[in-house]
N, C-alpha and C. Protein backbone atom coordinates (compact mmCIF):
# COMPACT_ATOMS: atom_id res chain seq x y z
N UNK A 1 -5.24 19.39 4.10
CA UNK A 1 -5.23 17.97 4.45
C UNK A 1 -6.63 17.53 4.90
N UNK A 2 -7.05 16.39 4.41
CA UNK A 2 -8.34 15.84 4.79
C UNK A 2 -8.13 14.57 5.58
N UNK A 3 -8.55 14.59 6.83
CA UNK A 3 -8.33 13.43 7.68
C UNK A 3 -9.53 12.49 7.57
N UNK A 4 -9.25 11.22 7.18
CA UNK A 4 -10.32 10.27 6.96
C UNK A 4 -10.09 8.96 7.70
N UNK A 5 -9.45 9.01 8.82
CA UNK A 5 -9.14 7.81 9.59
C UNK A 5 -10.41 7.06 9.98
N UNK A 6 -11.42 7.75 10.50
CA UNK A 6 -12.62 7.08 10.97
C UNK A 6 -13.36 6.39 9.83
N UNK A 7 -13.22 6.93 8.63
CA UNK A 7 -13.94 6.35 7.50
C UNK A 7 -13.49 4.93 7.21
N UNK A 8 -12.20 4.66 7.40
CA UNK A 8 -11.71 3.31 7.16
C UNK A 8 -12.32 2.34 8.15
N UNK A 9 -12.31 2.72 9.40
CA UNK A 9 -12.72 1.80 10.45
C UNK A 9 -14.23 1.66 10.53
N UNK A 10 -14.96 2.74 10.43
CA UNK A 10 -16.39 2.68 10.64
C UNK A 10 -17.18 2.47 9.35
N UNK A 11 -16.61 2.88 8.21
CA UNK A 11 -17.37 2.82 6.97
C UNK A 11 -16.59 2.12 5.85
N UNK A 12 -15.49 1.46 6.22
CA UNK A 12 -14.59 0.93 5.22
C UNK A 12 -15.14 -0.18 4.37
N UNK A 13 -16.30 -0.73 4.68
CA UNK A 13 -16.88 -1.78 3.85
C UNK A 13 -17.93 -1.25 2.90
N UNK A 14 -18.06 0.08 2.76
CA UNK A 14 -19.02 0.67 1.84
C UNK A 14 -18.29 1.42 0.76
N UNK A 15 -18.54 1.02 -0.48
CA UNK A 15 -17.81 1.63 -1.59
C UNK A 15 -18.19 3.08 -1.83
N UNK A 16 -19.32 3.53 -1.25
CA UNK A 16 -19.75 4.90 -1.48
C UNK A 16 -19.27 5.85 -0.39
N UNK A 17 -18.38 5.36 0.49
CA UNK A 17 -17.86 6.18 1.56
C UNK A 17 -16.36 6.34 1.38
N UNK A 18 -15.75 7.40 1.94
CA UNK A 18 -14.30 7.55 1.88
C UNK A 18 -13.63 6.49 2.73
N UNK A 19 -12.44 6.05 2.32
CA UNK A 19 -11.77 4.95 3.00
C UNK A 19 -10.34 5.27 3.39
N UNK A 20 -9.91 6.49 3.27
CA UNK A 20 -8.51 6.83 3.46
C UNK A 20 -8.19 7.00 4.94
N UNK A 21 -7.14 6.30 5.39
CA UNK A 21 -6.67 6.40 6.76
C UNK A 21 -5.55 7.42 6.83
N UNK A 22 -5.63 8.34 7.76
CA UNK A 22 -4.54 9.28 7.95
C UNK A 22 -4.75 10.56 7.16
N UNK A 23 -3.66 11.21 6.85
CA UNK A 23 -3.72 12.50 6.16
C UNK A 23 -3.72 12.28 4.66
N UNK A 24 -4.79 12.63 4.00
CA UNK A 24 -4.93 12.42 2.56
C UNK A 24 -4.77 13.75 1.85
N UNK A 25 -3.71 13.87 1.08
CA UNK A 25 -3.48 15.12 0.36
C UNK A 25 -3.95 14.98 -1.07
N UNK A 26 -4.42 16.08 -1.64
CA UNK A 26 -4.93 16.06 -3.01
C UNK A 26 -3.81 16.28 -4.02
N UNK A 27 -3.90 15.57 -5.10
CA UNK A 27 -3.03 15.81 -6.24
C UNK A 27 -3.91 15.74 -7.47
N UNK A 28 -3.49 16.31 -8.57
CA UNK A 28 -4.30 16.31 -9.78
C UNK A 28 -3.63 15.48 -10.86
N UNK A 29 -4.21 14.31 -11.17
CA UNK A 29 -3.72 13.44 -12.25
C UNK A 29 -2.24 13.16 -12.12
N UNK A 30 -1.82 12.84 -10.91
CA UNK A 30 -0.41 12.54 -10.65
C UNK A 30 -0.16 11.04 -10.74
N UNK A 31 1.05 10.66 -11.11
CA UNK A 31 1.42 9.24 -11.03
C UNK A 31 1.59 8.85 -9.56
N UNK A 32 1.33 7.60 -9.26
CA UNK A 32 1.40 7.14 -7.87
C UNK A 32 2.17 5.83 -7.78
N UNK A 33 2.65 5.56 -6.58
CA UNK A 33 3.16 4.25 -6.23
C UNK A 33 2.23 3.70 -5.16
N UNK A 34 1.51 2.65 -5.49
CA UNK A 34 0.65 1.97 -4.52
C UNK A 34 1.49 0.88 -3.86
N UNK A 35 1.51 0.88 -2.55
CA UNK A 35 2.43 0.04 -1.79
C UNK A 35 1.70 -0.88 -0.83
N UNK A 36 1.98 -2.17 -0.94
CA UNK A 36 1.59 -3.08 0.13
C UNK A 36 2.39 -2.68 1.37
N UNK A 37 1.92 -3.09 2.54
CA UNK A 37 2.59 -2.67 3.77
C UNK A 37 3.46 -3.78 4.36
N UNK A 38 2.83 -4.80 4.93
CA UNK A 38 3.55 -5.87 5.64
C UNK A 38 4.32 -6.74 4.65
N UNK A 39 5.62 -6.86 4.87
CA UNK A 39 6.45 -7.66 3.97
C UNK A 39 7.00 -6.88 2.81
N UNK A 40 6.53 -5.65 2.62
CA UNK A 40 7.01 -4.80 1.54
C UNK A 40 7.75 -3.59 2.10
N UNK A 41 7.13 -2.88 3.03
CA UNK A 41 7.76 -1.73 3.68
C UNK A 41 8.32 -2.08 5.06
N UNK A 42 7.61 -2.97 5.76
CA UNK A 42 8.04 -3.36 7.11
C UNK A 42 8.14 -4.88 7.18
N UNK A 43 8.89 -5.36 8.15
CA UNK A 43 9.08 -6.81 8.30
C UNK A 43 7.73 -7.49 8.53
N UNK A 44 7.57 -8.64 7.91
CA UNK A 44 6.36 -9.44 8.08
C UNK A 44 6.44 -10.19 9.41
N UNK A 45 5.49 -9.90 10.31
CA UNK A 45 5.46 -10.59 11.60
C UNK A 45 4.14 -11.31 11.82
N UNK A 46 3.33 -11.43 10.78
CA UNK A 46 2.05 -12.14 10.85
C UNK A 46 1.08 -11.47 11.83
N UNK A 47 0.20 -10.64 11.27
CA UNK A 47 -0.82 -9.93 12.03
C UNK A 47 -0.20 -9.05 13.11
N UNK A 48 0.62 -8.13 12.69
CA UNK A 48 1.31 -7.25 13.64
C UNK A 48 0.31 -6.42 14.44
N UNK A 49 0.39 -6.50 15.75
CA UNK A 49 -0.50 -5.74 16.62
C UNK A 49 0.25 -4.89 17.63
N UNK A 50 1.56 -4.97 17.63
CA UNK A 50 2.38 -4.26 18.61
C UNK A 50 3.29 -3.28 17.87
N UNK A 51 3.15 -1.98 18.11
CA UNK A 51 4.02 -1.01 17.44
C UNK A 51 5.51 -1.26 17.67
N UNK A 52 5.85 -1.90 18.79
CA UNK A 52 7.25 -2.17 19.08
C UNK A 52 7.86 -3.18 18.10
N UNK A 53 7.01 -3.91 17.39
CA UNK A 53 7.49 -4.92 16.44
C UNK A 53 7.67 -4.36 15.03
N UNK A 54 7.32 -3.10 14.83
CA UNK A 54 7.44 -2.50 13.49
C UNK A 54 8.90 -2.22 13.19
N UNK A 55 9.40 -2.85 12.14
CA UNK A 55 10.77 -2.65 11.69
C UNK A 55 10.74 -2.39 10.18
N UNK A 56 11.26 -1.25 9.77
CA UNK A 56 11.34 -0.98 8.34
C UNK A 56 12.28 -1.96 7.67
N UNK A 57 11.92 -2.40 6.47
CA UNK A 57 12.84 -3.20 5.69
C UNK A 57 13.98 -2.32 5.19
N UNK A 58 15.17 -2.89 5.03
CA UNK A 58 16.33 -2.08 4.62
C UNK A 58 16.06 -1.27 3.36
N UNK A 59 16.40 0.00 3.44
CA UNK A 59 16.29 0.88 2.29
C UNK A 59 14.91 1.43 2.02
N UNK A 60 13.92 1.07 2.85
CA UNK A 60 12.54 1.47 2.57
C UNK A 60 12.37 2.99 2.59
N UNK A 61 12.86 3.63 3.64
CA UNK A 61 12.66 5.08 3.76
C UNK A 61 13.32 5.83 2.61
N UNK A 62 14.55 5.48 2.30
CA UNK A 62 15.25 6.18 1.23
C UNK A 62 14.60 5.91 -0.13
N UNK A 63 14.11 4.69 -0.33
CA UNK A 63 13.45 4.35 -1.60
C UNK A 63 12.19 5.20 -1.79
N UNK A 64 11.40 5.32 -0.73
CA UNK A 64 10.18 6.10 -0.84
C UNK A 64 10.48 7.59 -1.02
N UNK A 65 11.52 8.06 -0.38
CA UNK A 65 11.90 9.46 -0.55
C UNK A 65 12.30 9.73 -2.00
N UNK A 66 13.04 8.84 -2.60
CA UNK A 66 13.43 9.01 -4.00
C UNK A 66 12.22 9.03 -4.91
N UNK A 67 11.27 8.14 -4.64
CA UNK A 67 10.07 8.07 -5.47
C UNK A 67 9.23 9.34 -5.32
N UNK A 68 9.08 9.80 -4.10
CA UNK A 68 8.31 11.03 -3.91
C UNK A 68 9.00 12.22 -4.55
N UNK A 69 10.31 12.32 -4.40
CA UNK A 69 11.05 13.43 -4.99
C UNK A 69 10.96 13.42 -6.52
N UNK A 70 10.72 12.23 -7.08
CA UNK A 70 10.58 12.11 -8.53
C UNK A 70 9.17 12.45 -9.01
N UNK A 71 8.26 12.75 -8.06
CA UNK A 71 6.93 13.19 -8.44
C UNK A 71 5.81 12.19 -8.24
N UNK A 72 6.12 11.04 -7.63
CA UNK A 72 5.10 10.05 -7.38
C UNK A 72 4.37 10.33 -6.06
N UNK A 73 3.06 10.13 -6.06
CA UNK A 73 2.27 10.16 -4.83
C UNK A 73 2.31 8.76 -4.23
N UNK A 74 2.61 8.64 -2.95
CA UNK A 74 2.79 7.34 -2.31
C UNK A 74 1.56 6.98 -1.49
N UNK A 75 1.00 5.81 -1.78
CA UNK A 75 -0.25 5.37 -1.15
C UNK A 75 -0.09 3.92 -0.68
N UNK A 76 -0.37 3.66 0.58
CA UNK A 76 -0.35 2.30 1.11
C UNK A 76 -1.72 1.67 0.91
N UNK A 77 -1.73 0.43 0.42
CA UNK A 77 -2.96 -0.34 0.20
C UNK A 77 -2.77 -1.68 0.88
N UNK A 78 -3.52 -1.93 1.95
CA UNK A 78 -3.24 -3.10 2.78
C UNK A 78 -4.48 -3.90 3.17
N UNK A 79 -4.40 -5.21 3.00
CA UNK A 79 -5.39 -6.13 3.57
C UNK A 79 -5.04 -6.38 5.02
N UNK A 80 -6.02 -6.34 5.90
CA UNK A 80 -5.80 -6.61 7.32
C UNK A 80 -6.87 -7.60 7.80
N UNK A 81 -6.78 -8.83 7.32
CA UNK A 81 -7.79 -9.83 7.69
C UNK A 81 -7.72 -10.22 9.16
N UNK A 82 -6.63 -9.85 9.83
CA UNK A 82 -6.54 -10.13 11.26
C UNK A 82 -7.67 -9.47 12.04
N UNK A 83 -8.21 -8.38 11.51
CA UNK A 83 -9.34 -7.73 12.18
C UNK A 83 -10.58 -8.61 12.10
N UNK A 84 -10.88 -9.10 10.91
CA UNK A 84 -12.04 -9.99 10.75
C UNK A 84 -11.85 -11.28 11.52
N UNK A 85 -10.63 -11.75 11.63
CA UNK A 85 -10.33 -13.01 12.32
C UNK A 85 -10.33 -12.85 13.84
N UNK A 86 -10.37 -11.59 14.34
CA UNK A 86 -10.33 -11.35 15.77
C UNK A 86 -8.94 -11.43 16.37
N UNK A 87 -7.92 -11.39 15.53
CA UNK A 87 -6.54 -11.47 16.00
C UNK A 87 -6.01 -10.10 16.40
N UNK A 88 -6.37 -9.08 15.62
CA UNK A 88 -6.00 -7.71 15.95
C UNK A 88 -7.27 -6.86 15.97
N UNK A 89 -7.18 -5.72 16.60
CA UNK A 89 -8.30 -4.80 16.67
C UNK A 89 -8.02 -3.58 15.79
N UNK A 90 -9.05 -2.78 15.60
CA UNK A 90 -8.85 -1.52 14.89
C UNK A 90 -7.82 -0.65 15.59
N UNK A 91 -7.87 -0.65 16.92
CA UNK A 91 -6.91 0.15 17.68
C UNK A 91 -5.49 -0.37 17.47
N UNK A 92 -5.32 -1.69 17.37
CA UNK A 92 -4.00 -2.25 17.08
C UNK A 92 -3.50 -1.76 15.72
N UNK A 93 -4.39 -1.80 14.74
CA UNK A 93 -4.00 -1.33 13.41
C UNK A 93 -3.58 0.13 13.47
N UNK A 94 -4.37 0.95 14.14
CA UNK A 94 -4.06 2.38 14.28
C UNK A 94 -2.65 2.58 14.84
N UNK A 95 -2.34 1.84 15.92
CA UNK A 95 -1.08 2.03 16.60
C UNK A 95 0.10 1.58 15.73
N UNK A 96 -0.06 0.45 15.07
CA UNK A 96 1.01 -0.04 14.20
C UNK A 96 1.21 0.89 13.01
N UNK A 97 0.11 1.35 12.44
CA UNK A 97 0.21 2.26 11.29
C UNK A 97 0.87 3.58 11.69
N UNK A 98 0.51 4.09 12.85
CA UNK A 98 1.11 5.33 13.33
C UNK A 98 2.61 5.19 13.51
N UNK A 99 3.04 4.03 14.03
CA UNK A 99 4.47 3.80 14.23
C UNK A 99 5.19 3.69 12.89
N UNK A 100 4.58 3.00 11.93
CA UNK A 100 5.19 2.90 10.61
C UNK A 100 5.38 4.28 9.99
N UNK A 101 4.34 5.11 10.04
CA UNK A 101 4.43 6.45 9.46
C UNK A 101 5.47 7.30 10.19
N UNK A 102 5.59 7.09 11.48
CA UNK A 102 6.61 7.81 12.25
C UNK A 102 8.01 7.43 11.76
N UNK A 103 8.23 6.14 11.55
CA UNK A 103 9.55 5.67 11.11
C UNK A 103 9.85 6.11 9.68
N UNK A 104 8.83 6.14 8.84
CA UNK A 104 9.03 6.55 7.45
C UNK A 104 9.24 8.06 7.34
N UNK A 105 8.58 8.80 8.21
CA UNK A 105 8.59 10.26 8.11
C UNK A 105 7.22 10.72 7.67
N UNK A 106 6.69 11.70 8.39
CA UNK A 106 5.29 12.08 8.24
C UNK A 106 4.88 12.63 6.89
N UNK A 107 5.85 13.03 6.06
CA UNK A 107 5.48 13.69 4.80
C UNK A 107 5.53 12.78 3.59
N UNK A 108 5.82 11.49 3.78
CA UNK A 108 6.00 10.62 2.62
C UNK A 108 4.70 10.02 2.09
N UNK A 109 3.86 9.53 2.98
CA UNK A 109 2.67 8.79 2.58
C UNK A 109 1.47 9.72 2.48
N UNK A 110 0.84 9.74 1.30
CA UNK A 110 -0.32 10.61 1.08
C UNK A 110 -1.59 10.02 1.67
N UNK A 111 -1.68 8.71 1.77
CA UNK A 111 -2.87 8.09 2.32
C UNK A 111 -2.69 6.59 2.45
N UNK A 112 -3.47 5.98 3.32
CA UNK A 112 -3.46 4.53 3.50
C UNK A 112 -4.87 4.01 3.37
N UNK A 113 -5.04 2.98 2.56
CA UNK A 113 -6.34 2.35 2.35
C UNK A 113 -6.26 0.93 2.90
N UNK A 114 -7.17 0.61 3.81
CA UNK A 114 -7.14 -0.66 4.53
C UNK A 114 -8.45 -1.39 4.36
N UNK A 115 -8.36 -2.72 4.14
CA UNK A 115 -9.55 -3.57 4.11
C UNK A 115 -9.46 -4.58 5.23
N UNK A 116 -10.44 -4.60 6.16
CA UNK A 116 -10.41 -5.52 7.29
C UNK A 116 -11.08 -6.87 7.02
N UNK A 117 -11.50 -7.11 5.79
CA UNK A 117 -12.23 -8.34 5.47
C UNK A 117 -11.40 -9.59 5.71
N UNK A 118 -12.11 -10.70 5.93
CA UNK A 118 -11.49 -12.01 5.93
C UNK A 118 -11.23 -12.46 4.50
N UNK A 119 -10.72 -13.69 4.33
CA UNK A 119 -10.38 -14.19 2.99
C UNK A 119 -11.54 -14.17 2.00
N UNK A 120 -12.77 -14.23 2.48
CA UNK A 120 -13.92 -14.22 1.57
C UNK A 120 -14.12 -12.86 0.92
N UNK A 121 -13.53 -11.82 1.50
CA UNK A 121 -13.62 -10.48 0.91
C UNK A 121 -15.04 -9.97 0.84
N UNK A 122 -15.70 -9.93 1.99
CA UNK A 122 -17.13 -9.63 2.03
C UNK A 122 -17.51 -8.31 1.38
N UNK A 123 -16.66 -7.33 1.47
CA UNK A 123 -17.00 -6.00 0.95
C UNK A 123 -16.66 -5.81 -0.52
N UNK A 124 -15.86 -6.70 -1.06
CA UNK A 124 -15.39 -6.53 -2.42
C UNK A 124 -14.18 -5.63 -2.54
N UNK A 125 -13.61 -5.19 -1.41
CA UNK A 125 -12.47 -4.27 -1.43
C UNK A 125 -11.14 -4.99 -1.25
N UNK A 126 -11.16 -6.20 -0.77
CA UNK A 126 -9.93 -6.91 -0.44
C UNK A 126 -9.11 -7.20 -1.69
N UNK A 127 -7.81 -6.92 -1.65
CA UNK A 127 -6.94 -7.31 -2.75
C UNK A 127 -7.04 -8.82 -2.97
N UNK A 128 -7.12 -9.30 -4.21
CA UNK A 128 -6.71 -8.64 -5.45
C UNK A 128 -7.74 -7.73 -6.11
N UNK A 129 -8.89 -7.50 -5.49
CA UNK A 129 -9.81 -6.52 -6.05
C UNK A 129 -9.10 -5.18 -6.18
N UNK A 130 -9.35 -4.45 -7.27
CA UNK A 130 -8.72 -3.14 -7.44
C UNK A 130 -9.45 -2.03 -6.70
N UNK A 131 -10.48 -2.36 -5.90
CA UNK A 131 -11.37 -1.34 -5.33
C UNK A 131 -10.62 -0.27 -4.54
N UNK A 132 -9.68 -0.68 -3.68
CA UNK A 132 -8.99 0.32 -2.86
C UNK A 132 -8.11 1.24 -3.70
N UNK A 133 -7.48 0.69 -4.72
CA UNK A 133 -6.68 1.52 -5.62
C UNK A 133 -7.57 2.52 -6.34
N UNK A 134 -8.71 2.07 -6.80
CA UNK A 134 -9.62 2.97 -7.51
C UNK A 134 -10.19 4.03 -6.58
N UNK A 135 -10.38 3.70 -5.30
CA UNK A 135 -10.80 4.70 -4.32
C UNK A 135 -9.72 5.79 -4.21
N UNK A 136 -8.46 5.36 -4.13
CA UNK A 136 -7.37 6.32 -4.01
C UNK A 136 -7.26 7.18 -5.27
N UNK A 137 -7.44 6.56 -6.42
CA UNK A 137 -7.43 7.31 -7.69
C UNK A 137 -8.47 8.41 -7.65
N UNK A 138 -9.67 8.05 -7.18
CA UNK A 138 -10.77 9.03 -7.10
C UNK A 138 -10.49 10.08 -6.04
N UNK A 139 -10.08 9.65 -4.87
CA UNK A 139 -9.91 10.59 -3.75
C UNK A 139 -8.75 11.55 -3.96
N UNK A 140 -7.66 11.05 -4.55
CA UNK A 140 -6.42 11.82 -4.61
C UNK A 140 -6.10 12.34 -6.00
N UNK A 141 -6.95 12.06 -6.98
CA UNK A 141 -6.73 12.58 -8.32
C UNK A 141 -5.51 11.98 -8.99
N UNK A 142 -5.42 10.64 -9.02
CA UNK A 142 -4.23 9.95 -9.52
C UNK A 142 -4.46 9.37 -10.91
N UNK A 143 -3.38 9.06 -11.58
CA UNK A 143 -3.41 8.52 -12.94
C UNK A 143 -2.89 7.09 -12.93
N UNK A 144 -3.77 6.08 -12.97
CA UNK A 144 -3.32 4.68 -12.91
C UNK A 144 -2.34 4.32 -14.02
N UNK A 145 -2.55 4.86 -15.21
CA UNK A 145 -1.71 4.50 -16.36
C UNK A 145 -0.25 4.87 -16.15
N UNK A 146 0.02 5.85 -15.30
CA UNK A 146 1.40 6.26 -15.01
C UNK A 146 1.85 5.79 -13.64
N UNK A 147 1.12 4.86 -13.08
CA UNK A 147 1.37 4.44 -11.70
C UNK A 147 1.87 2.99 -11.64
N UNK A 148 2.34 2.62 -10.45
CA UNK A 148 2.86 1.28 -10.19
C UNK A 148 2.28 0.76 -8.88
N UNK A 149 2.17 -0.57 -8.81
CA UNK A 149 1.82 -1.23 -7.54
C UNK A 149 3.01 -2.10 -7.16
N UNK A 150 3.46 -1.98 -5.91
CA UNK A 150 4.60 -2.76 -5.41
C UNK A 150 4.14 -3.57 -4.21
N UNK A 151 4.33 -4.89 -4.27
CA UNK A 151 3.94 -5.73 -3.15
C UNK A 151 4.63 -7.07 -3.17
N UNK A 152 4.39 -7.86 -2.12
CA UNK A 152 5.09 -9.13 -1.96
C UNK A 152 4.22 -10.35 -2.22
N UNK A 153 3.01 -10.14 -2.75
CA UNK A 153 2.11 -11.26 -3.02
C UNK A 153 1.53 -11.15 -4.43
N UNK A 154 1.10 -12.31 -4.94
CA UNK A 154 0.44 -12.32 -6.25
C UNK A 154 -0.78 -11.42 -6.24
N UNK A 155 -1.48 -11.36 -5.10
CA UNK A 155 -2.67 -10.51 -5.01
C UNK A 155 -2.33 -9.04 -5.23
N UNK A 156 -1.14 -8.62 -4.85
CA UNK A 156 -0.73 -7.24 -5.07
C UNK A 156 -0.53 -6.97 -6.55
N UNK A 157 0.13 -7.90 -7.22
CA UNK A 157 0.34 -7.76 -8.66
C UNK A 157 -1.01 -7.72 -9.37
N UNK A 158 -1.89 -8.66 -9.02
CA UNK A 158 -3.20 -8.74 -9.66
C UNK A 158 -4.03 -7.50 -9.41
N UNK A 159 -3.94 -6.96 -8.20
CA UNK A 159 -4.66 -5.75 -7.84
C UNK A 159 -4.21 -4.58 -8.71
N UNK A 160 -2.90 -4.41 -8.82
CA UNK A 160 -2.38 -3.32 -9.63
C UNK A 160 -2.77 -3.45 -11.08
N UNK A 161 -2.63 -4.63 -11.64
CA UNK A 161 -2.97 -4.83 -13.04
C UNK A 161 -4.44 -4.58 -13.29
N UNK A 162 -5.30 -5.05 -12.38
CA UNK A 162 -6.74 -4.85 -12.55
C UNK A 162 -7.12 -3.38 -12.47
N UNK A 163 -6.32 -2.59 -11.74
CA UNK A 163 -6.60 -1.16 -11.60
C UNK A 163 -5.99 -0.34 -12.73
N UNK A 164 -5.20 -0.99 -13.59
CA UNK A 164 -4.60 -0.27 -14.72
C UNK A 164 -3.20 0.24 -14.48
N UNK A 165 -2.55 -0.21 -13.38
CA UNK A 165 -1.17 0.19 -13.11
C UNK A 165 -0.21 -0.88 -13.62
N UNK A 166 1.06 -0.57 -13.60
CA UNK A 166 2.10 -1.58 -13.76
C UNK A 166 2.40 -2.14 -12.37
N UNK A 167 3.08 -3.30 -12.33
CA UNK A 167 3.25 -3.98 -11.05
C UNK A 167 4.67 -4.52 -10.88
N UNK A 168 5.15 -4.44 -9.65
CA UNK A 168 6.44 -5.00 -9.27
C UNK A 168 6.23 -5.92 -8.07
N UNK A 169 6.75 -7.14 -8.16
CA UNK A 169 6.73 -8.07 -7.03
C UNK A 169 8.07 -8.01 -6.33
N UNK A 170 8.06 -7.81 -5.01
CA UNK A 170 9.30 -7.85 -4.24
C UNK A 170 9.43 -9.21 -3.57
N UNK A 171 10.66 -9.68 -3.41
CA UNK A 171 10.91 -10.99 -2.84
C UNK A 171 11.10 -10.96 -1.33
N UNK A 172 10.76 -9.87 -0.68
CA UNK A 172 10.75 -9.81 0.77
C UNK A 172 9.40 -10.32 1.28
N UNK A 173 9.25 -10.45 2.59
CA UNK A 173 7.97 -10.90 3.14
C UNK A 173 7.58 -12.25 2.59
N UNK A 174 6.36 -12.33 2.04
CA UNK A 174 5.88 -13.57 1.43
C UNK A 174 6.34 -13.70 -0.02
N UNK A 175 7.13 -12.76 -0.47
CA UNK A 175 7.48 -12.72 -1.88
C UNK A 175 8.41 -13.81 -2.36
N UNK A 176 9.12 -14.47 -1.43
CA UNK A 176 10.09 -15.48 -1.83
C UNK A 176 9.45 -16.58 -2.68
N UNK A 177 8.25 -16.97 -2.31
CA UNK A 177 7.59 -18.04 -3.05
C UNK A 177 6.37 -17.59 -3.82
N UNK A 178 6.20 -16.29 -3.98
CA UNK A 178 4.98 -15.76 -4.61
C UNK A 178 5.02 -15.92 -6.13
N UNK A 179 3.84 -16.11 -6.71
CA UNK A 179 3.68 -16.19 -8.16
C UNK A 179 3.82 -14.78 -8.75
N UNK A 180 4.80 -14.61 -9.62
CA UNK A 180 5.07 -13.29 -10.20
C UNK A 180 4.39 -13.08 -11.54
N UNK A 181 3.45 -13.96 -11.90
CA UNK A 181 2.79 -13.85 -13.20
C UNK A 181 2.18 -12.46 -13.40
N UNK A 182 2.52 -11.84 -14.49
CA UNK A 182 1.98 -10.52 -14.82
C UNK A 182 2.82 -9.36 -14.35
N UNK A 183 3.75 -9.61 -13.42
CA UNK A 183 4.58 -8.52 -12.90
C UNK A 183 5.51 -8.00 -13.98
N UNK A 184 5.69 -6.69 -14.00
CA UNK A 184 6.59 -6.08 -14.96
C UNK A 184 8.05 -6.24 -14.53
N UNK A 185 8.25 -6.52 -13.23
CA UNK A 185 9.60 -6.70 -12.71
C UNK A 185 9.50 -7.44 -11.39
N UNK A 186 10.49 -8.28 -11.12
CA UNK A 186 10.61 -8.94 -9.82
C UNK A 186 11.86 -8.39 -9.15
N UNK A 187 11.67 -7.75 -7.99
CA UNK A 187 12.75 -7.03 -7.32
C UNK A 187 13.16 -7.74 -6.05
N UNK A 188 14.42 -7.57 -5.69
CA UNK A 188 14.92 -8.14 -4.45
C UNK A 188 14.22 -7.54 -3.25
N UNK A 189 13.96 -6.24 -3.30
CA UNK A 189 13.35 -5.53 -2.18
C UNK A 189 12.81 -4.19 -2.67
N UNK A 190 12.29 -3.39 -1.75
CA UNK A 190 11.68 -2.11 -2.13
C UNK A 190 12.71 -1.16 -2.74
N UNK A 191 13.94 -1.23 -2.28
CA UNK A 191 14.97 -0.36 -2.86
C UNK A 191 15.22 -0.70 -4.32
N UNK A 192 15.28 -1.99 -4.62
CA UNK A 192 15.48 -2.43 -6.01
C UNK A 192 14.26 -2.09 -6.86
N UNK A 193 13.07 -2.22 -6.27
CA UNK A 193 11.85 -1.87 -6.98
C UNK A 193 11.85 -0.39 -7.35
N UNK A 194 12.24 0.45 -6.40
CA UNK A 194 12.27 1.89 -6.65
C UNK A 194 13.26 2.23 -7.76
N UNK A 195 14.42 1.60 -7.74
CA UNK A 195 15.42 1.85 -8.77
C UNK A 195 14.88 1.49 -10.15
N UNK A 196 14.20 0.35 -10.25
CA UNK A 196 13.62 -0.07 -11.52
C UNK A 196 12.56 0.93 -12.00
N UNK A 197 11.67 1.31 -11.09
CA UNK A 197 10.61 2.24 -11.45
C UNK A 197 11.17 3.58 -11.92
N UNK A 198 12.14 4.09 -11.19
CA UNK A 198 12.73 5.37 -11.56
C UNK A 198 13.42 5.30 -12.91
N UNK A 199 14.09 4.19 -13.17
CA UNK A 199 14.78 4.01 -14.45
C UNK A 199 13.81 3.91 -15.60
N UNK A 200 12.69 3.19 -15.36
CA UNK A 200 11.76 2.92 -16.45
C UNK A 200 10.62 3.93 -16.53
N UNK A 201 10.68 4.96 -15.71
CA UNK A 201 9.71 6.04 -15.83
C UNK A 201 10.37 7.33 -16.29
N UNK A 202 11.67 7.23 -16.56
CA UNK A 202 12.42 8.41 -16.99
C UNK A 202 12.66 9.40 -15.89
N UNK A 203 12.59 8.89 -14.60
CA UNK A 203 12.73 9.81 -13.47
C UNK A 203 14.01 9.62 -12.69
N UNK A 204 14.88 8.73 -13.13
CA UNK A 204 16.10 8.46 -12.36
C UNK A 204 17.15 9.55 -12.57
């Protein structure tokens, strides 16, 4: 296991540095599921800074377990503009992320890639840029062509497509009114997204 937590916080705006938060495990040319965090895996509370507010969306843990058991590497890719806005701190992000991973189970997520930029996307890493996905592909040895991106915003769909993955929009979080243009499927929630992916990847 390669721990790269500090790289996200201290060097996360440099494309030539590692950006993976948490425990990053290596895989060789494996398919992956790239996952938005807020509104996709956990309830959207708008700039969550308190671990006590972390609530998994229904079926999230079981959905991710099924995907991992089917051979997918699970990677969280999240914009956190609250840091640039001064609403949350790096320490807040750390605490919330740690609680999410605790609730999901420590062995499910291979890595988390976070961008703290504001809406202007100063570093070029902020979704819909595919930069964070491509970092994960490089760091973890993943195959975009066999991978999927699941999120609740148009930016998630666009990010996945730009990186060469297929994309699923979930209607949880901000997804109720999100533009699904380009999405291969629109799912009620992460559980429905997982079922679709497993069916259409021959892994169900």
